[in-house]
Amino acid sequence: MSTLLFDSPLEYLLRYTVISGIIVAIIGMAICLMAKRITMAVRKQDEISKQDKLYVGLLFTGIALILIGMIIMALPIEATAYRA
């Protein structure tokens, strides 16, 4: 954790773990935001229930991916994509 204080913001953002964590979190956010539309497309209905199993499952999957992305970002691996 103390290594975060010595890195510039650019070096921190270019770490492989941070880049991959951001990508995983963005995929999770997209799943959360698109869960209702995906459920409506699969069920071929205009209205869905908030208790629909597919809808709830997609929301949980998206939230889990966001959490996994945040954990990946916190991994203390020092390799960066930036070579100065």
C-alpha atoms as a PDB file:
ATOM      1  CA  MET A   1       0.000   0.000   0.000  1.00  0.00           C
ATOM      2  CA  SER A   2       2.867   2.391   0.687  1.00  0.00           C
ATOM      3  CA  THR A   3       4.095   1.957  -2.891  1.00  0.00           C
ATOM      4  CA  LEU A   4       1.015   3.855  -4.051  1.00  0.00           C
ATOM      5  CA  LEU A   5       2.365   6.970  -2.377  1.00  0.00           C
ATOM      6  CA  PHE A   6       5.603   6.907  -4.389  1.00  0.00           C
ATOM      7  CA  ASP A   7       4.101   6.301  -7.840  1.00  0.00           C
ATOM      8  CA  SER A   8       2.834   9.009 -10.112  1.00  0.00           C
ATOM      9  CA  PRO A   9      -0.819   8.690 -11.139  1.00  0.00           C
ATOM     10  CA  LEU A  10       0.253   7.793 -14.683  1.00  0.00           C
ATOM     11  CA  GLU A  11       2.475   4.944 -13.484  1.00  0.00           C
ATOM     12  CA  TYR A  12      -0.343   3.660 -11.267  1.00  0.00           C
ATOM     13  CA  LEU A  13      -2.916   3.715 -14.077  1.00  0.00           C
ATOM     14  CA  LEU A  14      -0.568   1.923 -16.475  1.00  0.00           C
ATOM     15  CA  ARG A  15      -0.019  -1.096 -14.238  1.00  0.00           C
ATOM     16  CA  TYR A  16      -1.250  -4.313 -15.800  1.00  0.00           C
ATOM     17  CA  THR A  17      -3.411  -5.161 -12.801  1.00  0.00           C
ATOM     18  CA  VAL A  18      -5.054  -1.743 -12.794  1.00  0.00           C
ATOM     19  CA  ILE A  19      -5.790  -1.870 -16.532  1.00  0.00           C
ATOM     20  CA  SER A  20      -7.244  -5.376 -16.326  1.00  0.00           C
ATOM     21  CA  GLY A  21      -9.217  -4.484 -13.183  1.00  0.00           C
ATOM     22  CA  ILE A  22     -10.737  -1.460 -14.893  1.00  0.00           C
ATOM     23  CA  ILE A  23     -11.709  -3.584 -17.901  1.00  0.00           C
ATOM     24  CA  VAL A  24     -13.367  -6.231 -15.709  1.00  0.00           C
ATOM     25  CA  ALA A  25     -15.211  -3.553 -13.716  1.00  0.00           C
ATOM     26  CA  ILE A  26     -16.438  -1.869 -16.921  1.00  0.00           C
ATOM     27  CA  ILE A  27     -17.766  -5.200 -18.202  1.00  0.00           C
ATOM     28  CA  GLY A  28     -19.571  -5.681 -14.876  1.00  0.00           C
ATOM     29  CA  MET A  29     -21.041  -2.190 -15.058  1.00  0.00           C
ATOM     30  CA  ALA A  30     -22.229  -2.820 -18.623  1.00  0.00           C
ATOM     31  CA  ILE A  31     -23.917  -6.058 -17.551  1.00  0.00           C
ATOM     32  CA  CYS A  32     -25.664  -4.256 -14.683  1.00  0.00           C
ATOM     33  CA  LEU A  33     -26.860  -1.454 -16.944  1.00  0.00           C
ATOM     34  CA  MET A  34     -27.992  -3.806 -19.726  1.00  0.00           C
ATOM     35  CA  ALA A  35     -29.594  -6.466 -17.477  1.00  0.00           C
ATOM     36  CA  LYS A  36     -33.149  -5.280 -18.067  1.00  0.00           C
ATOM     37  CA  ARG A  37     -32.745  -5.064 -21.844  1.00  0.00           C
ATOM     38  CA  ILE A  38     -31.045  -8.462 -22.027  1.00  0.00           C
ATOM     39  CA  THR A  39     -33.849 -10.002 -19.984  1.00  0.00           C
ATOM     40  CA  MET A  40     -36.524  -8.382 -22.148  1.00  0.00           C
ATOM     41  CA  ALA A  41     -34.794  -9.660 -25.303  1.00  0.00           C
ATOM     42  CA  VAL A  42     -34.442 -13.214 -23.990  1.00  0.00           C
ATOM     43  CA  ARG A  43     -37.989 -13.366 -22.629  1.00  0.00           C
ATOM     44  CA  LYS A  44     -39.414 -11.538 -25.707  1.00  0.00           C
ATOM     45  CA  GLN A  45     -41.585  -9.343 -23.488  1.00  0.00           C
ATOM     46  CA  ASP A  46     -42.003  -5.605 -23.092  1.00  0.00           C
ATOM     47  CA  GLU A  47     -42.267  -5.734 -19.301  1.00  0.00           C
ATOM     48  CA  ILE A  48     -40.355  -7.867 -16.842  1.00  0.00           C
ATOM     49  CA  SER A  49     -40.698  -8.423 -13.123  1.00  0.00           C
ATOM     50  CA  LYS A  50     -38.077  -7.184 -10.696  1.00  0.00           C
ATOM     51  CA  GLN A  51     -37.982 -10.730  -9.274  1.00  0.00           C
ATOM     52  CA  ASP A  52     -37.214 -12.385 -12.633  1.00  0.00           C
ATOM     53  CA  LYS A  53     -34.447 -14.942 -12.064  1.00  0.00           C
ATOM     54  CA  LEU A  54     -32.519 -13.981 -15.200  1.00  0.00           C
ATOM     55  CA  TYR A  55     -32.667 -10.271 -14.325  1.00  0.00           C
ATOM     56  CA  VAL A  56     -31.512 -10.838 -10.745  1.00  0.00           C
ATOM     57  CA  GLY A  57     -28.806 -13.254 -11.909  1.00  0.00           C
ATOM     58  CA  LEU A  58     -27.444 -10.717 -14.390  1.00  0.00           C
ATOM     59  CA  LEU A  59     -27.410  -8.022 -11.720  1.00  0.00           C
ATOM     60  CA  PHE A  60     -25.523 -10.268  -9.289  1.00  0.00           C
ATOM     61  CA  THR A  61     -23.079 -11.256 -12.018  1.00  0.00           C
ATOM     62  CA  GLY A  62     -22.419  -7.611 -12.855  1.00  0.00           C
ATOM     63  CA  ILE A  63     -21.911  -6.658  -9.222  1.00  0.00           C
ATOM     64  CA  ALA A  64     -19.575  -9.624  -8.725  1.00  0.00           C
ATOM     65  CA  LEU A  65     -17.506  -8.559 -11.739  1.00  0.00           C
ATOM     66  CA  ILE A  66     -17.270  -5.017 -10.397  1.00  0.00           C
ATOM     67  CA  LEU A  67     -16.047  -6.377  -7.057  1.00  0.00           C
ATOM     68  CA  ILE A  68     -13.542  -8.704  -8.754  1.00  0.00           C
ATOM     69  CA  GLY A  69     -12.270  -5.783 -10.842  1.00  0.00           C
ATOM     70  CA  MET A  70     -11.702  -3.714  -7.714  1.00  0.00           C
ATOM     71  CA  ILE A  71      -9.820  -6.583  -6.077  1.00  0.00           C
ATOM     72  CA  ILE A  72      -7.653  -7.039  -9.176  1.00  0.00           C
ATOM     73  CA  MET A  73      -6.825  -3.321  -9.137  1.00  0.00           C
ATOM     74  CA  ALA A  74      -5.580  -3.606  -5.564  1.00  0.00           C
ATOM     75  CA  LEU A  75      -3.090  -6.405  -6.297  1.00  0.00           C
ATOM     76  CA  PRO A  76       0.458  -5.213  -5.537  1.00  0.00           C
ATOM     77  CA  ILE A  77       2.137  -6.116  -8.830  1.00  0.00           C
ATOM     78  CA  GLU A  78       4.701  -3.549  -9.909  1.00  0.00           C
ATOM     79  CA  ALA A  79       4.973  -4.311 -13.640  1.00  0.00           C
ATOM     80  CA  THR A  80       3.756  -1.400 -15.775  1.00  0.00           C
ATOM     81  CA  ALA A  81       3.015  -0.879 -19.449  1.00  0.00           C
ATOM     82  CA  TYR A  82       4.967   2.384 -19.260  1.00  0.00           C
ATOM     83  CA  ARG A  83       8.727   2.125 -19.802  1.00  0.00           C
ATOM     84  CA  ALA A  84      10.475   5.455 -19.264  1.00  0.00           C
END
